[in-house]
């Protein structure tokens, strides 16, 4: 299996049609299920095996998805309030590096992620019409995004980490 390219090298053209939102929401809703399916088939030793020093394990990738749910909530709020710039991510991923996800029970991570993602989807679904058309600057990409672009970005981020977990399991 081919290793996914590093996330920070990815480019996004931000031309996602609003009509794509129902399909993107399905991807976002399916992430907990897909994550549980992948993780459930992995031996505990494989879950916490790092590919090399300083690189995340499969379990840490799962924990990272949980760690970033706060950011998606913050950015949903940014769109709702008409912010000019979206909330910035911690590009060093300090929360994930400090969380010690490998010491936690994997079922705890999966359960928390499922709960947080459900709340995020409820917030996504409740977006006011005006917020869907609003454009805000993504701070790292320095690219204007509409809400559909943002939702696509989150789905791509989910899939990137699912692909990394698959690569680590192979």
N, C-alpha and C. Protein backbone atom coordinates (compact mmCIF):
# COMPACT_ATOMS: atom_id res chain seq x y z
N UNK A 1 0.84 -1.18 0.00
CA UNK A 1 0.00 0.00 0.00
C UNK A 1 0.88 1.25 0.00
N UNK A 2 0.49 2.22 -0.79
CA UNK A 2 1.23 3.47 -0.89
C UNK A 2 0.99 4.35 0.35
N UNK A 3 2.04 4.93 0.87
CA UNK A 3 1.91 5.82 2.02
C UNK A 3 1.27 7.13 1.58
N UNK A 4 0.27 7.62 2.34
CA UNK A 4 -0.32 8.92 1.99
C UNK A 4 0.72 10.05 2.09
N UNK A 5 0.56 11.04 1.24
CA UNK A 5 1.46 12.20 1.30
C UNK A 5 1.21 12.95 2.61
N UNK A 6 2.21 13.65 3.12
CA UNK A 6 2.00 14.42 4.35
C UNK A 6 0.84 15.42 4.19
N UNK A 7 0.05 15.55 5.23
CA UNK A 7 -1.14 16.41 5.20
C UNK A 7 -0.80 17.84 4.81
N UNK A 8 0.26 18.38 5.37
CA UNK A 8 0.58 19.79 5.13
C UNK A 8 1.05 20.07 3.70
N UNK A 9 1.28 19.03 2.91
CA UNK A 9 1.64 19.26 1.51
C UNK A 9 0.41 19.30 0.61
N UNK A 10 -0.75 18.92 1.14
CA UNK A 10 -1.97 18.90 0.35
C UNK A 10 -2.41 20.31 -0.03
N UNK A 11 -2.95 20.44 -1.22
CA UNK A 11 -3.49 21.72 -1.71
C UNK A 11 -5.00 21.55 -1.89
N UNK A 12 -5.74 22.61 -1.72
CA UNK A 12 -7.19 22.59 -1.86
C UNK A 12 -7.61 23.78 -2.72
N UNK A 13 -8.43 23.51 -3.74
CA UNK A 13 -8.80 24.59 -4.64
C UNK A 13 -10.05 25.35 -4.17
N UNK A 14 -10.76 24.84 -3.19
CA UNK A 14 -11.89 25.52 -2.57
C UNK A 14 -12.94 25.96 -3.58
N UNK A 15 -13.42 25.00 -4.33
CA UNK A 15 -14.50 25.24 -5.30
C UNK A 15 -15.64 24.24 -5.10
N UNK A 16 -15.81 23.78 -3.88
CA UNK A 16 -16.83 22.78 -3.58
C UNK A 16 -18.22 23.39 -3.70
N UNK A 17 -19.08 22.76 -4.48
CA UNK A 17 -20.45 23.23 -4.63
C UNK A 17 -21.25 22.94 -3.37
N UNK A 18 -22.12 23.86 -3.01
CA UNK A 18 -22.97 23.69 -1.84
C UNK A 18 -23.86 22.45 -1.99
N UNK A 19 -24.17 22.08 -3.23
CA UNK A 19 -25.00 20.90 -3.47
C UNK A 19 -24.30 19.62 -3.03
N UNK A 20 -22.99 19.66 -2.84
CA UNK A 20 -22.23 18.49 -2.41
C UNK A 20 -22.33 18.25 -0.90
N UNK A 21 -22.87 19.22 -0.15
CA UNK A 21 -22.90 19.09 1.30
C UNK A 21 -23.57 17.81 1.81
N UNK A 22 -24.71 17.38 1.28
CA UNK A 22 -25.29 16.14 1.81
C UNK A 22 -24.34 14.94 1.69
N UNK A 23 -23.62 14.85 0.60
CA UNK A 23 -22.67 13.75 0.42
C UNK A 23 -21.46 13.91 1.34
N UNK A 24 -21.01 15.13 1.52
CA UNK A 24 -19.89 15.37 2.43
C UNK A 24 -20.31 15.04 3.86
N UNK A 25 -21.53 15.41 4.25
CA UNK A 25 -22.02 15.07 5.59
C UNK A 25 -22.04 13.57 5.79
N UNK A 26 -22.38 12.82 4.75
CA UNK A 26 -22.37 11.35 4.85
C UNK A 26 -20.96 10.84 5.11
N UNK A 27 -19.98 11.42 4.44
CA UNK A 27 -18.58 11.04 4.70
C UNK A 27 -18.22 11.33 6.15
N UNK A 28 -18.57 12.53 6.61
CA UNK A 28 -18.24 12.93 7.98
C UNK A 28 -18.95 12.04 9.00
N UNK A 29 -20.19 11.69 8.73
CA UNK A 29 -20.94 10.81 9.64
C UNK A 29 -20.37 9.40 9.64
N UNK A 30 -19.80 8.98 8.53
CA UNK A 30 -19.25 7.64 8.43
C UNK A 30 -17.87 7.47 9.03
N UNK A 31 -17.20 8.55 9.34
CA UNK A 31 -15.83 8.44 9.86
C UNK A 31 -15.75 7.60 11.13
N UNK A 32 -16.61 7.82 12.14
CA UNK A 32 -16.50 6.97 13.33
C UNK A 32 -16.66 5.48 13.03
N UNK A 33 -17.58 5.15 12.15
CA UNK A 33 -17.81 3.75 11.79
C UNK A 33 -16.60 3.18 11.07
N UNK A 34 -16.07 3.92 10.10
CA UNK A 34 -14.90 3.44 9.37
C UNK A 34 -13.69 3.31 10.29
N UNK A 35 -13.53 4.27 11.20
CA UNK A 35 -12.42 4.22 12.15
C UNK A 35 -12.55 3.00 13.05
N UNK A 36 -13.74 2.76 13.58
CA UNK A 36 -13.96 1.60 14.45
C UNK A 36 -13.70 0.30 13.71
N UNK A 37 -14.11 0.24 12.44
CA UNK A 37 -13.89 -0.96 11.63
C UNK A 37 -12.39 -1.21 11.44
N UNK A 38 -11.65 -0.18 11.12
CA UNK A 38 -10.20 -0.34 10.90
C UNK A 38 -9.49 -0.73 12.20
N UNK A 39 -9.77 0.01 13.25
CA UNK A 39 -9.10 -0.20 14.54
C UNK A 39 -9.49 -1.55 15.13
N UNK A 40 -10.75 -1.94 14.98
CA UNK A 40 -11.23 -3.19 15.55
C UNK A 40 -10.55 -4.42 14.99
N UNK A 41 -9.96 -4.30 13.82
CA UNK A 41 -9.29 -5.44 13.18
C UNK A 41 -7.79 -5.46 13.46
N UNK A 42 -7.31 -4.50 14.23
CA UNK A 42 -5.87 -4.41 14.47
C UNK A 42 -5.51 -4.98 15.84
N UNK A 43 -4.42 -5.70 15.89
CA UNK A 43 -3.90 -6.22 17.15
C UNK A 43 -3.41 -5.05 18.00
N UNK A 44 -3.56 -5.13 19.33
CA UNK A 44 -3.10 -4.03 20.19
C UNK A 44 -1.65 -3.63 19.95
N UNK A 45 -0.79 -4.58 19.68
CA UNK A 45 0.63 -4.26 19.43
C UNK A 45 0.79 -3.44 18.16
N UNK A 46 -0.05 -3.68 17.18
CA UNK A 46 0.00 -2.93 15.92
C UNK A 46 -0.55 -1.52 16.14
N UNK A 47 -1.58 -1.41 16.95
CA UNK A 47 -2.19 -0.09 17.23
C UNK A 47 -1.18 0.90 17.80
N UNK A 48 -0.27 0.44 18.61
CA UNK A 48 0.65 1.34 19.30
C UNK A 48 2.09 1.25 18.81
N UNK A 49 2.27 0.66 17.65
CA UNK A 49 3.62 0.55 17.06
C UNK A 49 3.87 1.77 16.17
N UNK A 50 4.93 2.50 16.50
CA UNK A 50 5.28 3.68 15.71
C UNK A 50 6.10 3.26 14.49
N UNK A 51 5.85 3.86 13.33
CA UNK A 51 6.62 3.51 12.14
C UNK A 51 8.07 3.95 12.24
N UNK A 52 8.31 5.01 12.99
CA UNK A 52 9.66 5.50 13.26
C UNK A 52 9.57 6.49 14.40
N UNK A 53 10.69 6.82 14.98
CA UNK A 53 10.75 7.72 16.12
C UNK A 53 10.06 9.05 15.80
N UNK A 54 9.16 9.48 16.68
CA UNK A 54 8.49 10.76 16.53
C UNK A 54 7.28 10.74 15.60
N UNK A 55 6.97 9.60 15.00
CA UNK A 55 5.81 9.50 14.11
C UNK A 55 4.67 8.82 14.86
N UNK A 56 3.44 9.20 14.52
CA UNK A 56 2.29 8.69 15.24
C UNK A 56 1.98 7.23 14.93
N UNK A 57 1.46 6.56 15.95
CA UNK A 57 0.94 5.21 15.81
C UNK A 57 -0.49 5.28 15.27
N UNK A 58 -1.05 4.14 14.92
CA UNK A 58 -2.45 4.10 14.48
C UNK A 58 -3.36 4.65 15.57
N UNK A 59 -3.10 4.30 16.80
CA UNK A 59 -3.93 4.77 17.91
C UNK A 59 -3.80 6.28 18.09
N UNK A 60 -2.61 6.81 17.87
CA UNK A 60 -2.42 8.26 17.96
C UNK A 60 -3.13 8.98 16.81
N UNK A 61 -3.17 8.38 15.64
CA UNK A 61 -3.94 8.97 14.54
C UNK A 61 -5.42 9.03 14.92
N UNK A 62 -5.92 7.96 15.52
CA UNK A 62 -7.32 7.95 15.98
C UNK A 62 -7.53 9.04 17.03
N UNK A 63 -6.60 9.14 17.97
CA UNK A 63 -6.69 10.18 19.00
C UNK A 63 -6.63 11.58 18.41
N UNK A 64 -5.83 11.75 17.38
CA UNK A 64 -5.71 13.05 16.72
C UNK A 64 -7.05 13.48 16.12
N UNK A 65 -7.78 12.54 15.54
CA UNK A 65 -9.11 12.88 15.02
C UNK A 65 -9.98 13.43 16.14
N UNK A 66 -9.94 12.80 17.29
CA UNK A 66 -10.69 13.28 18.45
C UNK A 66 -10.17 14.65 18.88
N UNK A 67 -8.86 14.81 18.93
CA UNK A 67 -8.26 16.06 19.38
C UNK A 67 -8.69 17.27 18.56
N UNK A 68 -8.99 17.05 17.28
CA UNK A 68 -9.31 18.19 16.41
C UNK A 68 -10.80 18.53 16.34
N UNK A 69 -11.64 17.77 17.00
CA UNK A 69 -13.07 18.09 16.95
C UNK A 69 -13.34 19.49 17.49
N UNK A 70 -12.58 19.95 18.49
CA UNK A 70 -12.76 21.30 19.01
C UNK A 70 -12.56 22.35 17.91
N UNK A 71 -11.58 22.08 17.02
CA UNK A 71 -11.28 23.04 15.96
C UNK A 71 -12.43 23.13 14.98
N UNK A 72 -13.03 21.99 14.65
CA UNK A 72 -14.16 22.02 13.71
C UNK A 72 -15.32 22.80 14.33
N UNK A 73 -15.57 22.61 15.63
CA UNK A 73 -16.62 23.38 16.32
C UNK A 73 -16.30 24.88 16.26
N UNK A 74 -15.05 25.23 16.52
CA UNK A 74 -14.66 26.64 16.48
C UNK A 74 -14.87 27.24 15.10
N UNK A 75 -14.54 26.49 14.07
CA UNK A 75 -14.70 27.00 12.71
C UNK A 75 -16.15 27.05 12.28
N UNK A 76 -16.97 26.14 12.76
CA UNK A 76 -18.42 26.23 12.52
C UNK A 76 -18.93 27.53 13.11
N UNK A 77 -18.48 27.83 14.31
CA UNK A 77 -18.86 29.09 14.97
C UNK A 77 -18.34 30.29 14.17
N UNK A 78 -17.13 30.19 13.62
CA UNK A 78 -16.59 31.27 12.79
C UNK A 78 -17.51 31.55 11.61
N UNK A 79 -17.95 30.50 10.93
CA UNK A 79 -18.86 30.70 9.79
C UNK A 79 -20.18 31.28 10.26
N UNK A 80 -20.69 30.80 11.38
CA UNK A 80 -21.98 31.29 11.90
C UNK A 80 -21.92 32.77 12.23
N UNK A 81 -20.78 33.22 12.74
CA UNK A 81 -20.63 34.62 13.15
C UNK A 81 -20.12 35.52 12.04
N UNK A 82 -19.80 34.94 10.88
CA UNK A 82 -19.30 35.75 9.78
C UNK A 82 -17.87 36.21 9.95
N UNK A 83 -17.04 35.42 10.62
CA UNK A 83 -15.64 35.79 10.85
C UNK A 83 -14.90 35.94 9.52
N UNK A 84 -13.93 36.84 9.50
CA UNK A 84 -13.12 37.05 8.30
C UNK A 84 -12.07 35.96 8.14
N UNK A 85 -11.57 35.44 9.27
CA UNK A 85 -10.53 34.43 9.26
C UNK A 85 -10.97 33.29 10.17
N UNK A 86 -10.76 32.05 9.72
CA UNK A 86 -11.12 30.89 10.53
C UNK A 86 -10.12 30.71 11.67
N UNK A 87 -10.58 30.11 12.75
CA UNK A 87 -9.72 29.81 13.89
C UNK A 87 -8.52 28.98 13.41
N UNK A 88 -7.34 29.37 13.88
CA UNK A 88 -6.11 28.68 13.47
C UNK A 88 -5.92 27.39 14.25
N UNK A 89 -5.37 26.41 13.57
CA UNK A 89 -4.99 25.15 14.20
C UNK A 89 -3.61 25.30 14.83
N UNK A 90 -3.33 24.46 15.81
CA UNK A 90 -1.97 24.36 16.34
C UNK A 90 -1.19 23.49 15.37
N UNK A 91 -0.38 24.09 14.54
CA UNK A 91 0.34 23.37 13.49
C UNK A 91 1.39 22.40 14.03
N UNK A 92 1.69 22.50 15.32
CA UNK A 92 2.62 21.55 15.94
C UNK A 92 1.88 20.35 16.53
N UNK A 93 0.55 20.39 16.51
CA UNK A 93 -0.28 19.30 17.05
C UNK A 93 0.13 18.92 18.47
N UNK A 94 0.40 19.92 19.26
CA UNK A 94 0.85 19.71 20.64
C UNK A 94 -0.13 18.85 21.43
N UNK A 95 -1.43 19.08 21.24
CA UNK A 95 -2.44 18.33 21.99
C UNK A 95 -2.28 16.83 21.74
N UNK A 96 -2.07 16.43 20.50
CA UNK A 96 -1.93 15.01 20.18
C UNK A 96 -0.62 14.46 20.74
N UNK A 97 0.46 15.20 20.60
CA UNK A 97 1.74 14.72 21.11
C UNK A 97 1.74 14.58 22.64
N UNK A 98 1.00 15.46 23.33
CA UNK A 98 0.98 15.44 24.79
C UNK A 98 -0.10 14.53 25.38
N UNK A 99 -1.03 14.06 24.57
CA UNK A 99 -2.20 13.32 25.08
C UNK A 99 -1.89 11.91 25.56
N UNK A 100 -0.78 11.34 25.11
CA UNK A 100 -0.42 9.97 25.45
C UNK A 100 -1.56 9.00 25.10
N UNK A 101 -2.05 9.12 23.88
CA UNK A 101 -3.16 8.28 23.43
C UNK A 101 -2.84 6.79 23.49
N UNK A 102 -1.58 6.42 23.34
CA UNK A 102 -1.23 5.00 23.39
C UNK A 102 -1.48 4.37 24.76
N UNK A 103 -1.54 5.19 25.80
CA UNK A 103 -1.78 4.68 27.15
C UNK A 103 -3.28 4.56 27.47
N UNK A 104 -4.10 5.13 26.63
CA UNK A 104 -5.55 5.10 26.86
C UNK A 104 -6.16 3.85 26.24
N UNK A 105 -7.26 3.38 26.78
CA UNK A 105 -7.98 2.29 26.11
C UNK A 105 -8.53 2.79 24.77
N UNK A 106 -8.30 2.04 23.71
CA UNK A 106 -8.72 2.47 22.38
C UNK A 106 -10.23 2.66 22.31
N UNK A 107 -10.98 1.84 23.03
CA UNK A 107 -12.44 1.97 23.00
C UNK A 107 -12.89 3.32 23.58
N UNK A 108 -12.14 3.84 24.52
CA UNK A 108 -12.44 5.15 25.10
C UNK A 108 -12.27 6.24 24.03
N UNK A 109 -11.18 6.17 23.28
CA UNK A 109 -10.93 7.14 22.21
C UNK A 109 -12.04 7.06 21.16
N UNK A 110 -12.37 5.85 20.75
CA UNK A 110 -13.39 5.66 19.71
C UNK A 110 -14.76 6.16 20.19
N UNK A 111 -15.10 5.87 21.42
CA UNK A 111 -16.39 6.30 21.97
C UNK A 111 -16.47 7.83 22.06
N UNK A 112 -15.41 8.45 22.54
CA UNK A 112 -15.38 9.91 22.64
C UNK A 112 -15.45 10.55 21.26
N UNK A 113 -14.74 9.97 20.30
CA UNK A 113 -14.76 10.52 18.95
C UNK A 113 -16.17 10.43 18.37
N UNK A 114 -16.82 9.28 18.52
CA UNK A 114 -18.18 9.11 18.02
C UNK A 114 -19.11 10.16 18.62
N UNK A 115 -18.99 10.39 19.93
CA UNK A 115 -19.84 11.38 20.62
C UNK A 115 -19.57 12.79 20.10
N UNK A 116 -18.30 13.16 20.01
CA UNK A 116 -17.94 14.51 19.55
C UNK A 116 -18.32 14.73 18.09
N UNK A 117 -18.14 13.72 17.25
CA UNK A 117 -18.50 13.87 15.84
C UNK A 117 -20.01 14.03 15.68
N UNK A 118 -20.79 13.32 16.49
CA UNK A 118 -22.25 13.46 16.45
C UNK A 118 -22.64 14.91 16.74
N UNK A 119 -22.01 15.49 17.74
CA UNK A 119 -22.28 16.89 18.09
C UNK A 119 -21.87 17.83 16.95
N UNK A 120 -20.73 17.55 16.33
CA UNK A 120 -20.27 18.38 15.21
C UNK A 120 -21.25 18.29 14.05
N UNK A 121 -21.75 17.09 13.76
CA UNK A 121 -22.70 16.93 12.66
C UNK A 121 -24.00 17.67 12.95
N UNK A 122 -24.42 17.68 14.18
CA UNK A 122 -25.61 18.45 14.56
C UNK A 122 -25.37 19.93 14.33
N UNK A 123 -24.17 20.40 14.66
CA UNK A 123 -23.83 21.81 14.42
C UNK A 123 -23.75 22.10 12.93
N UNK A 124 -23.14 21.18 12.15
CA UNK A 124 -23.08 21.33 10.70
C UNK A 124 -24.49 21.46 10.13
N UNK A 125 -25.37 20.56 10.56
CA UNK A 125 -26.74 20.52 10.02
C UNK A 125 -27.54 21.75 10.39
N UNK A 126 -27.19 22.38 11.49
CA UNK A 126 -27.93 23.55 11.95
C UNK A 126 -27.39 24.88 11.44
N UNK A 127 -26.50 24.84 10.46
CA UNK A 127 -25.92 26.09 9.96
C UNK A 127 -26.99 26.97 9.33
N UNK A 128 -27.03 28.25 9.69
CA UNK A 128 -27.96 29.17 9.04
C UNK A 128 -27.61 29.33 7.56
N UNK A 129 -28.60 29.61 6.76
CA UNK A 129 -28.42 29.75 5.31
C UNK A 129 -27.32 30.77 4.97
N UNK A 130 -27.31 31.89 5.68
CA UNK A 130 -26.31 32.93 5.40
C UNK A 130 -24.89 32.42 5.65
N UNK A 131 -24.73 31.57 6.66
CA UNK A 131 -23.40 31.05 6.99
C UNK A 131 -22.87 30.13 5.89
N UNK A 132 -23.78 29.46 5.19
CA UNK A 132 -23.36 28.56 4.12
C UNK A 132 -22.71 29.32 2.96
N UNK A 133 -23.13 30.55 2.76
CA UNK A 133 -22.60 31.36 1.66
C UNK A 133 -21.39 32.22 2.09
N UNK A 134 -21.16 32.32 3.39
CA UNK A 134 -20.08 33.15 3.90
C UNK A 134 -18.71 32.59 3.48
N UNK A 135 -17.78 33.49 3.22
CA UNK A 135 -16.40 33.12 2.88
C UNK A 135 -15.47 33.64 3.98
N UNK A 136 -14.56 32.75 4.42
CA UNK A 136 -13.57 33.13 5.44
C UNK A 136 -12.22 32.60 5.00
N UNK A 137 -11.18 33.27 5.43
CA UNK A 137 -9.82 32.88 5.07
C UNK A 137 -9.35 31.71 5.95
N UNK A 138 -8.84 30.66 5.30
CA UNK A 138 -8.21 29.57 6.04
C UNK A 138 -6.81 30.04 6.40
N UNK A 139 -6.46 30.08 7.69
CA UNK A 139 -5.20 30.72 8.09
C UNK A 139 -3.92 30.04 7.59
N UNK A 140 -3.89 28.71 7.52
CA UNK A 140 -2.67 28.04 7.04
C UNK A 140 -2.58 28.08 5.53
N UNK A 141 -3.69 27.77 4.86
CA UNK A 141 -3.69 27.72 3.40
C UNK A 141 -3.69 29.10 2.75
N UNK A 142 -4.09 30.11 3.53
CA UNK A 142 -4.24 31.48 3.00
C UNK A 142 -5.15 31.48 1.77
N UNK A 143 -6.23 30.71 1.90
CA UNK A 143 -7.21 30.55 0.83
C UNK A 143 -8.59 30.85 1.38
N UNK A 144 -9.39 31.63 0.65
CA UNK A 144 -10.78 31.82 1.09
C UNK A 144 -11.57 30.51 0.95
N UNK A 145 -12.40 30.22 1.96
CA UNK A 145 -13.22 29.02 1.96
C UNK A 145 -14.66 29.38 2.25
N UNK A 146 -15.55 28.68 1.57
CA UNK A 146 -16.96 28.72 1.95
C UNK A 146 -17.23 27.51 2.84
N UNK A 147 -18.41 27.43 3.40
CA UNK A 147 -18.71 26.35 4.32
C UNK A 147 -18.58 24.98 3.66
N UNK A 148 -19.01 24.86 2.42
CA UNK A 148 -18.88 23.56 1.71
C UNK A 148 -17.42 23.18 1.54
N UNK A 149 -16.56 24.17 1.29
CA UNK A 149 -15.12 23.90 1.18
C UNK A 149 -14.56 23.41 2.52
N UNK A 150 -15.00 24.06 3.58
CA UNK A 150 -14.56 23.68 4.92
C UNK A 150 -14.99 22.25 5.25
N UNK A 151 -16.25 21.91 4.98
CA UNK A 151 -16.75 20.56 5.25
C UNK A 151 -15.95 19.53 4.44
N UNK A 152 -15.66 19.85 3.19
CA UNK A 152 -14.85 18.96 2.36
C UNK A 152 -13.44 18.80 2.95
N UNK A 153 -12.87 19.89 3.43
CA UNK A 153 -11.55 19.88 4.04
C UNK A 153 -11.53 18.93 5.24
N UNK A 154 -12.56 19.01 6.09
CA UNK A 154 -12.64 18.13 7.27
C UNK A 154 -12.74 16.67 6.83
N UNK A 155 -13.58 16.40 5.82
CA UNK A 155 -13.73 15.03 5.32
C UNK A 155 -12.41 14.50 4.76
N UNK A 156 -11.68 15.35 4.05
CA UNK A 156 -10.38 14.95 3.52
C UNK A 156 -9.38 14.70 4.64
N UNK A 157 -9.44 15.52 5.68
CA UNK A 157 -8.56 15.33 6.84
C UNK A 157 -8.87 13.98 7.50
N UNK A 158 -10.15 13.68 7.69
CA UNK A 158 -10.54 12.38 8.24
C UNK A 158 -9.95 11.26 7.40
N UNK A 159 -10.18 11.34 6.09
CA UNK A 159 -9.73 10.28 5.19
C UNK A 159 -8.21 10.14 5.17
N UNK A 160 -7.51 11.26 5.30
CA UNK A 160 -6.04 11.21 5.37
C UNK A 160 -5.60 10.33 6.55
N UNK A 161 -6.20 10.57 7.72
CA UNK A 161 -5.79 9.81 8.90
C UNK A 161 -6.27 8.36 8.84
N UNK A 162 -7.42 8.11 8.22
CA UNK A 162 -7.85 6.73 8.01
C UNK A 162 -6.87 6.01 7.07
N UNK A 163 -6.42 6.70 6.04
CA UNK A 163 -5.45 6.11 5.11
C UNK A 163 -4.12 5.85 5.82
N UNK A 164 -3.71 6.74 6.70
CA UNK A 164 -2.48 6.51 7.46
C UNK A 164 -2.61 5.28 8.35
N UNK A 165 -3.78 5.11 8.98
CA UNK A 165 -4.01 3.94 9.82
C UNK A 165 -3.94 2.67 8.97
N UNK A 166 -4.54 2.71 7.78
CA UNK A 166 -4.47 1.55 6.89
C UNK A 166 -3.03 1.25 6.51
N UNK A 167 -2.27 2.29 6.21
CA UNK A 167 -0.86 2.12 5.83
C UNK A 167 -0.06 1.52 6.99
N UNK A 168 -0.32 2.01 8.19
CA UNK A 168 0.39 1.48 9.37
C UNK A 168 0.03 0.02 9.64
N UNK A 169 -1.18 -0.36 9.31
CA UNK A 169 -1.62 -1.74 9.53
C UNK A 169 -1.08 -2.70 8.49
N UNK A 170 -0.72 -2.18 7.32
CA UNK A 170 -0.28 -3.04 6.22
C UNK A 170 1.11 -3.62 6.46
